[in-house]
Amino acid sequence: MSLEFYKAFVMLLLTLPLYSGRKTKTTPWPERIVGGKDIPPGHHVPYQVSLQYFVNTSAPNEKGAYKHYCGGSIISSYHILTAAHCCSGFDPKLMSIWAGDRDLRSQHALRFAVANYTIHPNYEELVTSDIAIIKLCRPMYLDNVRMGAIDVSSKQHTPGGVTVMLTGWGLRLPYHFQVPFPLLQEQVNAVTLPNILQVSTFLTVSDEVCKQVIDQLTKTELCVTGDLFKGACPGDSGGPLVEMSAQGLRQVGIVSYGLFICGLFSSLVPDVYTRVSEFSDWIYNTMHYEL
């Protein structure tokens, strides 16, 4: 998927209808949540954030609004980790970080203005180093319930066959996915853009196996596979792929790209993530010295 196509899709995503807020509970997020479901009411994924972009509306009586277009993860009170393609070409003044709830309609979440972002100097679209760090204008209060940082310091290489977990607000099905039953089309359209944070589990694929399908794979990338119609979708880009290690949760990947839409045939052609362990030094140096 080209960068131009992705940006065009983002602008389409940003112009879809808004939703009003509602109240949710705030209790700790359990460690055992498995695949393809809503995060349960009253639970949080404290490191997960929504990248949102301010869009003006063409309707005469409507105001502009922030809309979700990518995911990201909290790595410090001032810093968000995401994909480079979620920042490249976007105006920081129109970006914001939404955090602290599972429901995009919630009035209990907090919004943070973006000061600037740094894209990895080796970034090449669909090739390598799809990683960026966003700096906030003000710090988050990290209580590790609603908001908390995920560990990105490990240099350990994640092999194939490891169970990993992805969270995000990406499409459940391709937008306006056509079904053979016209009476069901409205219901299908209603579930393609979730307001509730989604979670799925996957398996990593070794580099050797993945290169049999994606021969241009680099050491900065991590392949992940799932069942049919189970995978990362537009809107999940930049989001965190995490593993439960002996030391606790750690982020091992950032949603980068897939060769098929929304996990179609992902059991045969894996989705590709940025391999976080390859960038631990860059992440540390960028957080402490460059931004």
C-alpha atoms as a PDB file:
ATOM      1  CA  MET A   1       0.000   0.000   0.000  1.00  0.00           C
ATOM      2  CA  SER A   2       1.569   3.317  -1.075  1.00  0.00           C
ATOM      3  CA  LEU A   3       1.958   6.239   1.299  1.00  0.00           C
ATOM      4  CA  GLU A   4      -0.329   8.314  -0.915  1.00  0.00           C
ATOM      5  CA  PHE A   5      -3.057   5.656  -0.772  1.00  0.00           C
ATOM      6  CA  TYR A   6      -2.678   5.392   3.015  1.00  0.00           C
ATOM      7  CA  LYS A   7      -3.023   9.141   3.485  1.00  0.00           C
ATOM      8  CA  ALA A   8      -6.065   9.191   1.203  1.00  0.00           C
ATOM      9  CA  PHE A   9      -7.594   6.407   3.294  1.00  0.00           C
ATOM     10  CA  VAL A  10      -6.779   8.289   6.498  1.00  0.00           C
ATOM     11  CA  MET A  11      -8.610  11.354   5.256  1.00  0.00           C
ATOM     12  CA  LEU A  12     -11.611   9.151   4.372  1.00  0.00           C
ATOM     13  CA  LEU A  13     -11.483   7.605   7.841  1.00  0.00           C
ATOM     14  CA  LEU A  14     -11.309  11.046   9.427  1.00  0.00           C
ATOM     15  CA  THR A  15     -14.473  12.220   7.675  1.00  0.00           C
ATOM     16  CA  LEU A  16     -16.688   9.369   8.895  1.00  0.00           C
ATOM     17  CA  PRO A  17     -19.461  10.247  11.416  1.00  0.00           C
ATOM     18  CA  LEU A  18     -18.757  11.331  14.987  1.00  0.00           C
ATOM     19  CA  TYR A  19     -20.272   9.738  18.064  1.00  0.00           C
ATOM     20  CA  SER A  20     -21.433  11.256  21.362  1.00  0.00           C
ATOM     21  CA  GLY A  21     -19.754  10.407  24.669  1.00  0.00           C
ATOM     22  CA  ARG A  22     -20.879   8.097  27.441  1.00  0.00           C
ATOM     23  CA  LYS A  23     -19.578   7.073  30.864  1.00  0.00           C
ATOM     24  CA  THR A  24     -17.321   4.052  31.507  1.00  0.00           C
ATOM     25  CA  LYS A  25     -15.798   2.534  34.624  1.00  0.00           C
ATOM     26  CA  THR A  26     -12.082   2.699  35.441  1.00  0.00           C
ATOM     27  CA  THR A  27     -10.572  -0.495  36.841  1.00  0.00           C
ATOM     28  CA  PRO A  28      -7.291  -2.298  36.043  1.00  0.00           C
ATOM     29  CA  TRP A  29      -6.910  -4.183  32.756  1.00  0.00           C
ATOM     30  CA  PRO A  30      -6.611  -7.985  33.207  1.00  0.00           C
ATOM     31  CA  GLU A  31      -3.627  -9.786  31.702  1.00  0.00           C
ATOM     32  CA  ARG A  32      -5.683 -12.605  30.153  1.00  0.00           C
ATOM     33  CA  ILE A  33      -7.743 -11.238  27.278  1.00  0.00           C
ATOM     34  CA  VAL A  34      -7.868 -13.345  24.117  1.00  0.00           C
ATOM     35  CA  GLY A  35      -8.529 -12.751  20.502  1.00  0.00           C
ATOM     36  CA  GLY A  36     -10.791 -10.726  18.342  1.00  0.00           C
ATOM     37  CA  LYS A  37     -13.063  -9.183  20.961  1.00  0.00           C
ATOM     38  CA  ASP A  38     -13.944  -5.908  22.658  1.00  0.00           C
ATOM     39  CA  ILE A  39     -11.886  -4.963  25.699  1.00  0.00           C
ATOM     40  CA  PRO A  40     -14.461  -5.644  28.462  1.00  0.00           C
ATOM     41  CA  PRO A  41     -16.279  -2.785  30.217  1.00  0.00           C
ATOM     42  CA  GLY A  42     -14.353  -1.422  33.157  1.00  0.00           C
ATOM     43  CA  HIS A  43     -10.967  -2.524  31.850  1.00  0.00           C
ATOM     44  CA  HIS A  44      -8.117  -0.638  30.238  1.00  0.00           C
ATOM     45  CA  VAL A  45      -5.045  -1.214  28.103  1.00  0.00           C
ATOM     46  CA  PRO A  46      -3.098   1.568  29.815  1.00  0.00           C
ATOM     47  CA  TYR A  47      -0.332   1.939  27.223  1.00  0.00           C
ATOM     48  CA  GLN A  48      -2.705   2.153  24.215  1.00  0.00           C
ATOM     49  CA  VAL A  49      -3.471   5.563  22.704  1.00  0.00           C
ATOM     50  CA  SER A  50      -5.392   6.871  19.722  1.00  0.00           C
ATOM     51  CA  LEU A  51      -3.668   9.250  17.307  1.00  0.00           C
ATOM     52  CA  GLN A  52      -6.261  11.758  16.151  1.00  0.00           C
ATOM     53  CA  TYR A  53      -6.250  14.479  13.509  1.00  0.00           C
ATOM     54  CA  PHE A  54      -8.335  17.630  13.403  1.00  0.00           C
ATOM     55  CA  VAL A  55     -10.616  17.758  10.372  1.00  0.00           C
ATOM     56  CA  ASN A  56     -12.799  20.672   9.340  1.00  0.00           C
ATOM     57  CA  THR A  57     -16.274  19.750   8.169  1.00  0.00           C
ATOM     58  CA  SER A  58     -17.870  21.084   5.015  1.00  0.00           C
ATOM     59  CA  ALA A  59     -21.320  21.168   6.667  1.00  0.00           C
ATOM     60  CA  PRO A  60     -22.326  24.796   7.424  1.00  0.00           C
ATOM     61  CA  ASN A  61     -23.666  24.126  10.941  1.00  0.00           C
ATOM     62  CA  GLU A  62     -21.055  21.613  12.096  1.00  0.00           C
ATOM     63  CA  LYS A  63     -17.708  22.252  13.748  1.00  0.00           C
ATOM     64  CA  GLY A  64     -14.484  20.466  12.961  1.00  0.00           C
ATOM     65  CA  ALA A  65     -13.401  17.590  15.187  1.00  0.00           C
ATOM     66  CA  TYR A  66     -10.565  15.231  15.981  1.00  0.00           C
ATOM     67  CA  LYS A  67     -10.861  11.770  14.377  1.00  0.00           C
ATOM     68  CA  HIS A  68      -8.935   8.560  15.030  1.00  0.00           C
ATOM     69  CA  TYR A  69      -6.536   7.487  12.286  1.00  0.00           C
ATOM     70  CA  CYS A  70      -3.681   5.520  13.909  1.00  0.00           C
ATOM     71  CA  GLY A  71      -2.664   3.800  17.112  1.00  0.00           C
ATOM     72  CA  GLY A  72       0.332   4.303  19.367  1.00  0.00           C
ATOM     73  CA  SER A  73       1.778   3.360  22.728  1.00  0.00           C
ATOM     74  CA  ILE A  74       2.863   5.313  25.796  1.00  0.00           C
ATOM     75  CA  ILE A  75       6.581   4.873  26.471  1.00  0.00           C
ATOM     76  CA  SER A  76       7.006   7.738  28.964  1.00  0.00           C
ATOM     77  CA  SER A  77       4.891  10.534  30.388  1.00  0.00           C
ATOM     78  CA  TYR A  78       5.958  12.735  27.461  1.00  0.00           C
ATOM     79  CA  HIS A  79       6.443  10.235  24.618  1.00  0.00           C
ATOM     80  CA  ILE A  80       4.336   8.095  22.272  1.00  0.00           C
ATOM     81  CA  LEU A  81       5.731   5.353  20.032  1.00  0.00           C
ATOM     82  CA  THR A  82       4.058   4.860  16.653  1.00  0.00           C
ATOM     83  CA  ALA A  83       4.770   4.148  12.990  1.00  0.00           C
ATOM     84  CA  ALA A  84       6.613   6.647  10.807  1.00  0.00           C
ATOM     85  CA  HIS A  85       3.844   6.512   8.208  1.00  0.00           C
ATOM     86  CA  CYS A  86       1.416   7.773  10.877  1.00  0.00           C
ATOM     87  CA  CYS A  87       3.448  10.982  11.180  1.00  0.00           C
ATOM     88  CA  SER A  88       5.097  11.596   7.815  1.00  0.00           C
ATOM     89  CA  GLY A  89       3.483  14.581   6.136  1.00  0.00           C
ATOM     90  CA  PHE A  90       1.070  15.323   8.986  1.00  0.00           C
ATOM     91  CA  ASP A  91       0.969  18.700  10.754  1.00  0.00           C
ATOM     92  CA  PRO A  92       1.794  18.319  14.488  1.00  0.00           C
ATOM     93  CA  LYS A  93      -0.472  21.272  15.261  1.00  0.00           C
ATOM     94  CA  LEU A  94      -3.465  19.294  13.954  1.00  0.00           C
ATOM     95  CA  MET A  95      -2.486  16.040  15.700  1.00  0.00           C
ATOM     96  CA  SER A  96      -3.467  15.033  19.219  1.00  0.00           C
ATOM     97  CA  ILE A  97      -3.133  12.017  21.485  1.00  0.00           C
ATOM     98  CA  TRP A  98      -6.297  10.579  23.052  1.00  0.00           C
ATOM     99  CA  ALA A  99      -5.731   8.303  26.054  1.00  0.00           C
ATOM    100  CA  GLY A 100      -7.252   6.800  29.162  1.00  0.00           C
ATOM    101  CA  ASP A 101     -10.270   4.822  27.927  1.00  0.00           C
ATOM    102  CA  ARG A 102     -11.273   1.893  25.731  1.00  0.00           C
ATOM    103  CA  ASP A 103     -14.232   3.737  24.149  1.00  0.00           C
ATOM    104  CA  LEU A 104     -13.623   6.488  21.582  1.00  0.00           C
ATOM    105  CA  ARG A 105     -16.971   8.012  22.627  1.00  0.00           C
ATOM    106  CA  SER A 106     -15.944   8.349  26.268  1.00  0.00           C
ATOM    107  CA  GLN A 107     -15.991  11.720  28.005  1.00  0.00           C
ATOM    108  CA  HIS A 108     -13.520  10.443  30.615  1.00  0.00           C
ATOM    109  CA  ALA A 109     -10.536  10.175  28.285  1.00  0.00           C
ATOM    110  CA  LEU A 110      -7.845  12.857  28.133  1.00  0.00           C
ATOM    111  CA  ARG A 111      -6.492  14.697  25.103  1.00  0.00           C
ATOM    112  CA  PHE A 112      -2.874  15.818  24.738  1.00  0.00           C
ATOM    113  CA  ALA A 113      -1.493  18.278  22.203  1.00  0.00           C
ATOM    114  CA  VAL A 114       1.514  17.227  20.123  1.00  0.00           C
ATOM    115  CA  ALA A 115       4.689  19.324  20.360  1.00  0.00           C
ATOM    116  CA  ASN A 116       6.615  17.547  17.599  1.00  0.00           C
ATOM    117  CA  TYR A 117       7.639  14.151  16.300  1.00  0.00           C
ATOM    118  CA  THR A 118      10.846  12.444  15.186  1.00  0.00           C
ATOM    119  CA  ILE A 119      10.847   9.913  12.349  1.00  0.00           C
ATOM    120  CA  HIS A 120      13.714   7.419  12.171  1.00  0.00           C
ATOM    121  CA  PRO A 121      16.321   8.719   9.694  1.00  0.00           C
ATOM    122  CA  ASN A 122      16.453   5.383   7.843  1.00  0.00           C
ATOM    123  CA  TYR A 123      12.704   5.189   7.257  1.00  0.00           C
ATOM    124  CA  GLU A 124      11.727   3.994   3.790  1.00  0.00           C
ATOM    125  CA  GLU A 125       8.094   3.360   2.958  1.00  0.00           C
ATOM    126  CA  LEU A 126       7.301  -0.385   2.953  1.00  0.00           C
ATOM    127  CA  VAL A 127      11.029  -1.139   3.285  1.00  0.00           C
ATOM    128  CA  THR A 128      12.542  -0.377   6.690  1.00  0.00           C
ATOM    129  CA  SER A 129      12.492   1.589   9.942  1.00  0.00           C
ATOM    130  CA  ASP A 130       8.763   2.429  10.062  1.00  0.00           C
ATOM    131  CA  ILE A 131       9.008   3.991  13.509  1.00  0.00           C
ATOM    132  CA  ALA A 132       8.510   7.439  15.038  1.00  0.00           C
ATOM    133  CA  ILE A 133       8.338   9.066  18.462  1.00  0.00           C
ATOM    134  CA  ILE A 134       5.830  11.795  19.300  1.00  0.00           C
ATOM    135  CA  LYS A 135       6.555  14.315  22.058  1.00  0.00           C
ATOM    136  CA  LEU A 136       3.636  15.822  23.968  1.00  0.00           C
ATOM    137  CA  CYS A 137       3.228  19.447  25.027  1.00  0.00           C
ATOM    138  CA  ARG A 138       2.439  18.389  28.598  1.00  0.00           C
ATOM    139  CA  PRO A 139       3.080  15.183  30.557  1.00  0.00           C
ATOM    140  CA  MET A 140       0.594  12.413  31.148  1.00  0.00           C
ATOM    141  CA  TYR A 141      -0.181  11.259  34.666  1.00  0.00           C
ATOM    142  CA  LEU A 142       0.766   7.579  34.532  1.00  0.00           C
ATOM    143  CA  ASP A 143      -1.228   5.746  37.185  1.00  0.00           C
ATOM    144  CA  ASN A 144      -0.789   2.349  35.444  1.00  0.00           C
ATOM    145  CA  VAL A 145      -4.541   1.873  35.500  1.00  0.00           C
ATOM    146  CA  ARG A 146      -5.920   4.256  32.901  1.00  0.00           C
ATOM    147  CA  MET A 147      -2.536   5.268  31.511  1.00  0.00           C
ATOM    148  CA  GLY A 148       0.847   3.596  31.828  1.00  0.00           C
ATOM    149  CA  ALA A 149       4.052   3.079  29.869  1.00  0.00           C
ATOM    150  CA  ILE A 150       4.910  -0.155  28.047  1.00  0.00           C
ATOM    151  CA  ASP A 151       8.468  -1.515  28.171  1.00  0.00           C
ATOM    152  CA  VAL A 152      10.366  -0.984  24.893  1.00  0.00           C
ATOM    153  CA  SER A 153      13.903  -1.353  26.254  1.00  0.00           C
ATOM    154  CA  SER A 154      14.545  -5.021  25.444  1.00  0.00           C
ATOM    155  CA  LYS A 155      17.038  -5.941  22.724  1.00  0.00           C
ATOM    156  CA  GLN A 156      15.927  -9.575  22.777  1.00  0.00           C
ATOM    157  CA  HIS A 157      15.080 -10.885  19.304  1.00  0.00           C
ATOM    158  CA  THR A 158      11.553 -12.333  19.178  1.00  0.00           C
ATOM    159  CA  PRO A 159      11.654 -15.702  17.367  1.00  0.00           C
ATOM    160  CA  GLY A 160       8.857 -17.457  15.507  1.00  0.00           C
ATOM    161  CA  GLY A 161       6.030 -19.234  17.312  1.00  0.00           C
ATOM    162  CA  VAL A 162       5.586 -16.669  20.100  1.00  0.00           C
ATOM    163  CA  THR A 163       2.051 -15.702  21.142  1.00  0.00           C
ATOM    164  CA  VAL A 164       1.572 -11.939  20.877  1.00  0.00           C
ATOM    165  CA  MET A 165      -1.351  -9.566  21.362  1.00  0.00           C
ATOM    166  CA  LEU A 166      -2.519  -6.624  19.260  1.00  0.00           C
ATOM    167  CA  THR A 167      -4.911  -3.883  20.366  1.00  0.00           C
ATOM    168  CA  GLY A 168      -6.425  -1.109  18.281  1.00  0.00           C
ATOM    169  CA  TRP A 169      -9.458   0.687  16.885  1.00  0.00           C
ATOM    170  CA  GLY A 170      -8.879  -0.389  13.275  1.00  0.00           C
ATOM    171  CA  LEU A 171     -11.526  -1.608  10.839  1.00  0.00           C
ATOM    172  CA  ARG A 172     -13.113  -4.951  11.630  1.00  0.00           C
ATOM    173  CA  LEU A 173     -13.895  -5.491   7.926  1.00  0.00           C
ATOM    174  CA  PRO A 174     -13.051  -3.476   4.821  1.00  0.00           C
ATOM    175  CA  TYR A 175     -15.215  -0.337   4.953  1.00  0.00           C
ATOM    176  CA  HIS A 176     -18.497  -0.825   3.031  1.00  0.00           C
ATOM    177  CA  PHE A 177     -17.726  -4.550   2.834  1.00  0.00           C
ATOM    178  CA  GLN A 178     -20.451  -5.965   0.587  1.00  0.00           C
ATOM    179  CA  VAL A 179     -22.581  -8.869   1.804  1.00  0.00           C
ATOM    180  CA  PRO A 180     -24.980 -10.931  -0.333  1.00  0.00           C
ATOM    181  CA  PHE A 181     -27.935 -10.093   1.915  1.00  0.00           C
ATOM    182  CA  PRO A 182     -29.051  -6.442   1.431  1.00  0.00           C
ATOM    183  CA  LEU A 183     -31.027  -6.387   4.664  1.00  0.00           C
ATOM    184  CA  LEU A 184     -27.803  -7.074   6.597  1.00  0.00           C
ATOM    185  CA  GLN A 185     -25.640  -4.475   4.852  1.00  0.00           C
ATOM    186  CA  GLU A 186     -26.469  -1.682   7.313  1.00  0.00           C
ATOM    187  CA  GLN A 187     -25.582  -3.910  10.259  1.00  0.00           C
ATOM    188  CA  VAL A 188     -22.274  -4.870   8.634  1.00  0.00           C
ATOM    189  CA  ASN A 189     -21.393  -1.234   7.971  1.00  0.00           C
ATOM    190  CA  ALA A 190     -22.170  -0.420  11.601  1.00  0.00           C
ATOM    191  CA  VAL A 191     -19.566  -2.857  12.934  1.00  0.00           C
ATOM    192  CA  THR A 192     -16.719  -2.060  10.561  1.00  0.00           C
ATOM    193  CA  LEU A 193     -15.561   0.974  12.545  1.00  0.00           C
ATOM    194  CA  PRO A 194     -15.415   0.029  16.241  1.00  0.00           C
ATOM    195  CA  ASN A 195     -15.567   2.623  18.985  1.00  0.00           C
ATOM    196  CA  ILE A 196     -14.503  -0.012  21.524  1.00  0.00           C
ATOM    197  CA  LEU A 197     -10.836  -1.017  21.648  1.00  0.00           C
ATOM    198  CA  GLN A 198     -10.312  -4.418  20.026  1.00  0.00           C
ATOM    199  CA  VAL A 199      -7.859  -7.147  21.056  1.00  0.00           C
ATOM    200  CA  SER A 200      -6.592 -10.182  19.139  1.00  0.00           C
ATOM    201  CA  THR A 201      -3.871 -12.758  19.653  1.00  0.00           C
ATOM    202  CA  PHE A 202      -1.458 -13.945  16.957  1.00  0.00           C
ATOM    203  CA  LEU A 203       1.721 -15.958  16.436  1.00  0.00           C
ATOM    204  CA  THR A 204       5.046 -14.544  15.312  1.00  0.00           C
ATOM    205  CA  VAL A 205       6.696 -16.032  12.238  1.00  0.00           C
ATOM    206  CA  SER A 206      10.452 -16.609  11.996  1.00  0.00           C
ATOM    207  CA  ASP A 207      12.382 -14.461   9.530  1.00  0.00           C
ATOM    208  CA  GLU A 208      13.417 -17.556   7.581  1.00  0.00           C
ATOM    209  CA  VAL A 209       9.819 -18.669   7.044  1.00  0.00           C
ATOM    210  CA  CYS A 210       8.541 -15.162   6.347  1.00  0.00           C
ATOM    211  CA  LYS A 211      11.194 -14.551   3.682  1.00  0.00           C
ATOM    212  CA  GLN A 212       9.753 -17.452   1.711  1.00  0.00           C
ATOM    213  CA  VAL A 213       6.707 -15.225   1.115  1.00  0.00           C
ATOM    214  CA  ILE A 214       8.085 -11.685   1.596  1.00  0.00           C
ATOM    215  CA  ASP A 215      11.569 -11.838   0.122  1.00  0.00           C
ATOM    216  CA  GLN A 216      12.370  -8.142   0.775  1.00  0.00           C
ATOM    217  CA  LEU A 217      11.940  -8.553   4.556  1.00  0.00           C
ATOM    218  CA  THR A 218      14.622  -6.707   6.546  1.00  0.00           C
ATOM    219  CA  LYS A 219      15.983  -7.247  10.056  1.00  0.00           C
ATOM    220  CA  THR A 220      13.941  -4.251  11.233  1.00  0.00           C
ATOM    221  CA  GLU A 221      10.678  -6.102  10.557  1.00  0.00           C
ATOM    222  CA  LEU A 222       8.690  -8.794  12.359  1.00  0.00           C
ATOM    223  CA  CYS A 223       6.126 -11.077  10.709  1.00  0.00           C
ATOM    224  CA  VAL A 224       2.904 -12.118  12.438  1.00  0.00           C
ATOM    225  CA  THR A 225       0.212 -14.523  11.311  1.00  0.00           C
ATOM    226  CA  GLY A 226      -3.392 -15.174  12.249  1.00  0.00           C
ATOM    227  CA  ASP A 227      -6.519 -16.978  11.123  1.00  0.00           C
ATOM    228  CA  LEU A 228      -8.579 -15.951   8.100  1.00  0.00           C
ATOM    229  CA  PHE A 229      -9.987 -12.393   8.552  1.00  0.00           C
ATOM    230  CA  LYS A 230      -7.822 -11.953  11.627  1.00  0.00           C
ATOM    231  CA  GLY A 231      -5.114  -9.333  11.375  1.00  0.00           C
ATOM    232  CA  ALA A 232      -4.187  -5.674  11.514  1.00  0.00           C
ATOM    233  CA  CYS A 233      -6.495  -3.291   9.606  1.00  0.00           C
ATOM    234  CA  PRO A 234      -6.369   0.371   8.553  1.00  0.00           C
ATOM    235  CA  GLY A 235      -6.673   2.406  11.740  1.00  0.00           C
ATOM    236  CA  ASP A 236      -4.505  -0.108  13.638  1.00  0.00           C
ATOM    237  CA  SER A 237      -1.336   1.311  12.040  1.00  0.00           C
ATOM    238  CA  GLY A 238       1.247   2.431  14.563  1.00  0.00           C
ATOM    239  CA  GLY A 239      -0.357   0.360  17.308  1.00  0.00           C
ATOM    240  CA  PRO A 240       1.469  -1.867  19.788  1.00  0.00           C
ATOM    241  CA  LEU A 241       2.094  -5.604  19.436  1.00  0.00           C
ATOM    242  CA  VAL A 242       3.019  -6.953  22.882  1.00  0.00           C
ATOM    243  CA  GLU A 243       4.358 -10.154  24.414  1.00  0.00           C
ATOM    244  CA  MET A 244       4.076 -11.445  27.962  1.00  0.00           C
ATOM    245  CA  SER A 245       7.705 -12.190  28.902  1.00  0.00           C
ATOM    246  CA  ALA A 246       9.168 -13.435  32.152  1.00  0.00           C
ATOM    247  CA  GLN A 247       9.775  -9.796  33.086  1.00  0.00           C
ATOM    248  CA  GLY A 248       6.196  -8.752  32.247  1.00  0.00           C
ATOM    249  CA  LEU A 249       4.571  -7.134  29.220  1.00  0.00           C
ATOM    250  CA  ARG A 250       6.902  -5.726  26.599  1.00  0.00           C
ATOM    251  CA  GLN A 251       6.256  -4.247  23.191  1.00  0.00           C
ATOM    252  CA  VAL A 252       7.810  -6.247  20.383  1.00  0.00           C
ATOM    253  CA  GLY A 253       6.162  -4.710  17.309  1.00  0.00           C
ATOM    254  CA  ILE A 254       4.494  -1.675  15.721  1.00  0.00           C
ATOM    255  CA  VAL A 255       1.805  -2.205  13.076  1.00  0.00           C
ATOM    256  CA  SER A 256       3.437  -1.347   9.752  1.00  0.00           C
ATOM    257  CA  TYR A 257       1.774  -2.955   6.721  1.00  0.00           C
ATOM    258  CA  GLY A 258      -0.035  -5.991   5.352  1.00  0.00           C
ATOM    259  CA  LEU A 259      -0.252  -7.327   1.816  1.00  0.00           C
ATOM    260  CA  PHE A 260      -3.942  -8.172   2.181  1.00  0.00           C
ATOM    261  CA  ILE A 261      -6.768  -6.159   3.751  1.00  0.00           C
ATOM    262  CA  CYS A 262      -7.688  -6.916   7.358  1.00  0.00           C
ATOM    263  CA  GLY A 263      -5.987 -10.275   7.714  1.00  0.00           C
ATOM    264  CA  LEU A 264      -7.329 -11.780   4.483  1.00  0.00           C
ATOM    265  CA  PHE A 265      -5.098 -14.818   3.853  1.00  0.00           C
ATOM    266  CA  SER A 266      -2.828 -13.752   6.741  1.00  0.00           C
ATOM    267  CA  SER A 267      -2.334 -17.435   7.551  1.00  0.00           C
ATOM    268  CA  LEU A 268      -0.511 -17.607   4.191  1.00  0.00           C
ATOM    269  CA  VAL A 269       0.921 -14.070   3.877  1.00  0.00           C
ATOM    270  CA  PRO A 270       1.832 -12.588   7.280  1.00  0.00           C
ATOM    271  CA  ASP A 271       1.298  -8.994   8.374  1.00  0.00           C
ATOM    272  CA  VAL A 272       4.511  -7.012   8.851  1.00  0.00           C
ATOM    273  CA  TYR A 273       5.400  -5.075  11.997  1.00  0.00           C
ATOM    274  CA  THR A 274       8.363  -2.898  12.914  1.00  0.00           C
ATOM    275  CA  ARG A 275      10.638  -4.945  15.188  1.00  0.00           C
ATOM    276  CA  VAL A 276      10.986  -2.769  18.297  1.00  0.00           C
ATOM    277  CA  SER A 277      14.083  -4.540  19.672  1.00  0.00           C
ATOM    278  CA  GLU A 278      16.104  -3.275  16.687  1.00  0.00           C
ATOM    279  CA  PHE A 279      15.455   0.309  17.763  1.00  0.00           C
ATOM    280  CA  SER A 280      15.906   0.260  21.543  1.00  0.00           C
ATOM    281  CA  ASP A 281      19.011   2.491  21.440  1.00  0.00           C
ATOM    282  CA  TRP A 282      17.380   4.935  19.005  1.00  0.00           C
ATOM    283  CA  ILE A 283      14.253   5.111  21.163  1.00  0.00           C
ATOM    284  CA  TYR A 284      16.299   5.841  24.289  1.00  0.00           C
ATOM    285  CA  ASN A 285      18.477   8.467  22.603  1.00  0.00           C
ATOM    286  CA  THR A 286      15.526  10.185  20.936  1.00  0.00           C
ATOM    287  CA  MET A 287      13.565  10.378  24.187  1.00  0.00           C
ATOM    288  CA  HIS A 288      16.477  11.732  26.206  1.00  0.00           C
ATOM    289  CA  TYR A 289      18.559  13.821  23.827  1.00  0.00           C
ATOM    290  CA  GLU A 290      16.845  14.771  20.571  1.00  0.00           C
ATOM    291  CA  LEU A 291      13.209  15.802  21.188  1.00  0.00           C
END
